[in-house]
Protein backbone atom coordinates (compact mmCIF):
# COMPACT_ATOMS: atom_id res chain seq x y z
CA MET A 1 88.17 -37.14 13.98
CA PRO A 2 85.81 -39.95 14.52
CA LYS A 3 83.75 -38.00 16.64
CA LYS A 4 83.12 -35.32 14.02
CA LYS A 5 82.10 -38.15 11.45
CA LYS A 6 79.39 -39.21 13.95
CA SER A 7 78.19 -35.68 14.29
CA LYS A 8 77.70 -35.17 10.67
CA LYS A 9 75.84 -38.66 10.39
CA ILE A 10 73.45 -37.72 13.43
CA LYS A 11 72.61 -34.28 11.49
CA LYS A 12 72.19 -36.10 8.53
CA SER A 13 69.74 -38.78 9.81
CA LYS A 14 67.59 -35.57 11.50
CA ILE A 15 67.21 -34.09 8.31
CA ILE A 16 66.03 -37.34 6.30
CA LYS A 17 63.92 -37.98 9.16
CA LYS A 18 62.22 -34.06 8.85
CA ILE A 19 61.89 -34.86 5.18
CA LYS A 20 59.83 -38.15 5.85
CA LYS A 21 57.55 -36.52 8.04
CA ASN A 22 56.79 -33.71 5.56
CA LYS A 23 56.12 -36.45 2.92
CA ILE A 24 53.76 -38.39 5.20
CA LYS A 25 51.84 -35.05 6.08
CA SER A 26 51.45 -34.19 2.62
CA LYS A 27 50.38 -37.56 1.42
CA ILE A 28 47.64 -37.84 4.25
CA LYS A 29 46.65 -34.35 3.15
CA THR A 30 46.32 -35.10 -0.75
CA ASN A 31 44.30 -38.61 0.54
CA LEU A 32 42.05 -36.76 2.84
CA LYS A 33 41.33 -33.85 0.32
CA ILE A 34 41.14 -30.95 2.65
CA PRO A 35 40.14 -28.41 0.72
CA ASP A 36 41.30 -24.88 1.37
CA LYS A 37 39.02 -21.86 2.91
CA LYS A 38 39.23 -19.80 -0.41
CA THR A 39 38.37 -22.60 -2.23
CA THR A 40 35.23 -23.62 -0.22
CA THR A 41 34.02 -19.94 -0.28
CA LEU A 42 34.56 -19.39 -3.85
CA GLY A 43 32.88 -23.01 -4.54
CA SER A 44 29.73 -21.84 -2.39
CA GLU A 45 29.21 -18.70 -4.13
CA GLU A 46 29.68 -19.92 -7.55
CA LYS A 47 26.94 -22.37 -7.02
CA PRO A 48 24.56 -21.28 -4.56
CA GLU A 49 21.32 -23.47 -4.14
CA ILE A 50 18.33 -21.43 -5.90
CA LYS A 51 14.88 -21.95 -4.30
CA LYS A 52 11.77 -21.52 -6.50
CA ILE A 53 9.44 -19.17 -4.76
CA LYS A 54 5.80 -19.91 -5.37
CA LYS A 55 3.94 -16.68 -6.00
CA GLN A 56 0.81 -16.21 -3.83
CA PRO A 57 -2.70 -16.32 -5.54
CA THR A 58 -4.23 -12.89 -6.06
CA GLU A 59 -7.62 -12.80 -4.23
CA LYS A 60 -10.32 -11.37 -6.15
CA ARG A 61 -13.31 -10.06 -5.07
CA ILE A 62 -16.39 -10.68 -7.18
CA TYR A 63 -18.92 -7.47 -7.72
CA ASN A 64 -22.00 -7.95 -9.37
CA LEU A 65 -24.26 -5.43 -11.42
CA LYS A 66 -25.71 -2.38 -9.94
CA ASP A 67 -23.05 -2.82 -6.85
CA TYR A 68 -21.69 0.56 -5.71
CA VAL A 69 -17.69 0.56 -5.17
CA VAL A 70 -15.38 3.03 -4.42
CA TYR A 71 -12.51 4.15 -6.79
CA PRO A 72 -10.32 6.42 -4.54
CA LYS A 73 -9.61 9.09 -7.24
CA HIS A 74 -13.13 9.58 -8.40
CA GLY A 75 -15.39 8.38 -5.41
CA VAL A 76 -18.30 6.08 -5.42
CA GLY A 77 -19.54 4.36 -8.70
CA LYS A 78 -22.00 1.91 -9.78
CA ILE A 79 -21.18 -1.05 -11.84
CA THR A 80 -23.06 -0.74 -14.97
CA ALA A 81 -21.72 -4.10 -16.72
CA ILE A 82 -19.23 -6.40 -16.72
CA GLU A 83 -17.54 -7.14 -20.16
CA LYS A 84 -15.01 -9.20 -21.96
CA ALA A 85 -12.51 -8.46 -24.70
CA THR A 86 -9.82 -9.92 -26.31
CA ILE A 87 -6.07 -8.41 -26.26
CA GLY A 88 -3.28 -10.01 -27.76
CA GLU A 89 -4.87 -13.47 -27.49
CA ILE A 90 -5.62 -13.09 -24.00
CA ASP A 91 -9.22 -12.90 -22.80
CA ILE A 92 -9.72 -10.07 -20.26
CA GLN A 93 -12.80 -9.40 -18.20
CA PHE A 94 -13.42 -5.68 -16.69
CA TYR A 95 -15.74 -3.72 -15.27
CA LYS A 96 -17.67 -0.74 -16.35
CA ILE A 97 -18.03 1.84 -13.73
CA PHE A 98 -20.27 4.80 -13.87
CA VAL A 99 -19.40 7.42 -11.65
CA GLU A 100 -22.25 9.91 -11.26
CA LYS A 101 -20.91 13.02 -9.51
CA GLU A 102 -18.31 13.41 -12.51
CA LYS A 103 -20.25 11.84 -15.36
CA LEU A 104 -17.27 9.45 -16.05
CA THR A 105 -17.15 5.93 -16.96
CA LEU A 106 -14.22 3.76 -15.87
CA THR A 107 -12.84 0.40 -17.34
CA VAL A 108 -10.99 -1.50 -14.58
CA PRO A 109 -9.91 -5.05 -15.28
CA ILE A 110 -10.93 -7.80 -12.87
CA ASN A 111 -7.51 -8.65 -12.36
CA GLN A 112 -6.34 -5.03 -11.57
CA GLN A 113 -8.85 -4.14 -9.07
CA SER A 114 -6.68 -4.06 -6.14
CA LYS A 115 -7.61 -0.06 -6.02
CA LEU A 116 -11.54 -0.64 -5.79
CA ARG A 117 -13.00 -1.28 -2.72
CA PRO A 118 -16.75 -1.79 -1.69
CA ILE A 119 -18.84 0.80 -0.02
CA SER A 120 -18.97 0.93 3.76
CA SER A 121 -20.82 -0.81 6.22
CA ILE A 122 -23.41 1.16 8.35
CA ASN A 123 -21.01 0.68 11.05
CA GLN A 124 -18.43 2.61 9.27
CA ILE A 125 -20.94 5.48 8.47
CA ASN A 126 -21.55 5.47 12.26
CA LYS A 127 -18.10 5.99 13.17
CA CYS A 128 -17.54 8.62 10.29
CA ILE A 129 -20.68 10.60 12.06
CA SER A 130 -18.86 10.44 15.29
CA ILE A 131 -15.63 11.96 13.39
CA LEU A 132 -17.66 14.66 12.18
CA LYS A 133 -18.86 15.48 15.65
CA ALA A 134 -15.29 15.79 16.94
CA LYS A 135 -13.45 19.03 17.28
CA PRO A 136 -11.59 19.77 14.41
CA LYS A 137 -7.38 19.46 14.47
CA ILE A 138 -5.75 22.28 12.67
CA LYS A 139 -1.95 22.15 12.48
CA ARG A 140 0.16 25.09 12.52
CA THR A 141 2.23 24.28 9.37
CA MET A 142 1.96 26.13 6.33
CA TRP A 143 -1.31 25.68 4.33
CA SER A 144 0.70 24.52 0.90
CA ARG A 145 1.96 21.63 3.00
CA ARG A 146 -1.44 21.29 4.86
CA ALA A 147 -3.32 21.53 1.47
CA GLN A 148 -1.17 18.51 0.16
CA GLU A 149 -1.88 16.36 2.92
CA TYR A 150 -5.58 16.84 2.90
CA ASP A 151 -5.44 16.02 -1.09
CA GLN A 152 -3.81 13.02 -0.25
CA LYS A 153 -6.28 12.06 2.44
CA ILE A 154 -9.14 12.59 -0.22
CA ASN A 155 -7.89 10.46 -3.04
CA SER A 156 -6.62 7.71 -0.71
CA GLY A 157 -10.16 6.33 -0.95
CA LYS A 158 -10.36 5.59 2.95
CA ILE A 159 -13.58 7.07 4.28
CA TYR A 160 -12.55 7.76 7.91
CA GLU A 161 -9.79 10.21 6.48
CA LEU A 162 -12.30 11.71 4.12
CA ALA A 163 -14.38 12.49 7.25
CA GLU A 164 -11.32 13.86 8.92
CA VAL A 165 -10.71 16.41 6.25
CA VAL A 166 -14.35 17.30 6.08
CA LYS A 167 -14.20 17.78 10.15
CA ASP A 168 -11.06 19.82 9.78
CA LEU A 169 -12.04 22.23 7.05
CA ASN A 170 -15.58 22.74 8.21
CA LYS A 171 -15.86 26.37 8.96
CA ASN A 172 -19.70 26.32 10.40
CA THR A 173 -20.20 29.00 7.88
CA ASP A 174 -21.16 29.86 4.26
CA ILE A 175 -19.26 33.28 4.17
CA ILE A 176 -16.74 33.19 1.26
CA ALA A 177 -14.80 35.32 3.15
CA ASP A 178 -13.87 33.01 5.91
CA GLN A 179 -12.30 30.38 3.74
CA SER A 180 -9.91 30.77 1.15
CA TYR A 181 -10.51 29.50 -2.15
CA SER A 182 -8.37 26.36 -2.02
CA GLU A 183 -9.69 25.57 1.27
CA ARG A 184 -13.54 25.82 0.33
CA GLN A 185 -12.50 23.59 -2.91
CA LEU A 186 -11.00 20.97 -0.85
CA PHE A 187 -13.87 20.85 1.73
CA GLU A 188 -16.56 20.91 -1.30
CA LYS A 189 -14.63 17.86 -2.87
CA ALA A 190 -14.52 15.78 0.41
CA TYR A 191 -17.99 16.70 1.48
CA GLU A 192 -19.50 15.86 -1.88
CA ARG A 193 -17.56 12.60 -1.59
CA LEU A 194 -18.56 11.41 1.58
CA LYS A 195 -22.01 12.62 1.13
CA SER A 196 -22.11 10.14 -2.34
CA GLU A 197 -21.03 7.26 0.03
CA PHE A 198 -23.54 8.32 2.62
CA GLU A 199 -26.31 8.06 0.14
CA ALA A 200 -25.26 4.80 -1.36
CA VAL A 201 -24.96 3.18 1.85
CA LEU A 202 -28.07 4.64 3.96
CA ASN A 203 -30.27 4.55 0.53
CA ILE A 204 -31.87 7.76 1.53
CA SER A 205 -32.14 11.05 -0.37
CA PRO A 206 -29.37 13.38 -1.09
CA ASP A 207 -31.21 15.93 1.01
CA ASP A 208 -31.72 14.00 4.16
CA VAL A 209 -27.95 12.90 3.88
CA LYS A 210 -27.15 16.66 3.81
CA LYS A 211 -29.27 17.15 6.73
CA LYS A 212 -27.60 14.50 8.62
CA MET A 213 -24.01 15.44 7.75
CA ASP A 214 -24.81 19.27 8.11
CA LYS A 215 -25.95 18.43 12.03
CA ALA A 216 -23.09 16.37 12.98
CA LEU A 217 -20.83 19.12 11.64
CA GLY A 218 -23.12 21.98 13.71
CA ARG A 219 -23.95 23.56 10.41
CA THR A 220 -27.51 23.34 11.24
CA GLN A 221 -28.24 26.93 10.94
CA ILE A 222 -26.77 27.25 7.42
CA SER A 223 -29.12 24.60 5.73
CA GLU A 224 -31.89 26.18 7.65
CA GLU A 225 -31.34 29.70 5.87
CA ALA A 226 -30.57 27.98 2.55
CA GLU A 227 -34.01 26.38 2.56
């Protein structure tokens, strides 16, 4: 009988020790304030650090009166005026650009001139002439798709792409049967756009520019017969 009492006492003492250990552990946790993983992740999601990003200053190119510029959808134009207007208590300065080929006057705000570009340099014109002299690249895709690509190049405002369209659509002939109506339209549009920029850069007569371009394209016989 006394042996049984001892075993019961030993068991009770072990249980008491365990309870004490658990209490001590819980006290340590509360004192250290160790946060759970769930609370930390939620806390970081709820209060993220917001950093203010400064906007980059927009570079504005200053054009002067009588400067030639290129507007992609309309080609070469000349700045005829630089005017100011007040719209909603905001002063806006803009360019008046006259496109002679289309008899059109454009109004372009100075702070929205990303589409404008200055006319090409003489080196760029010389590179265009070498493009015109190269062999045309004709793709085997459907004409509707090619026509769309040519139209995008014409309206891109990039002079090298314009020269490529002229080169690829050049047939070395003025016979209408050799070109479809849409082909001829695109060729003439690209040719006139390129010609107007040649005139502005080289500062020579339209006839001399035509002779220069036709010579590069191998259309000298056509221009001689026209004369």
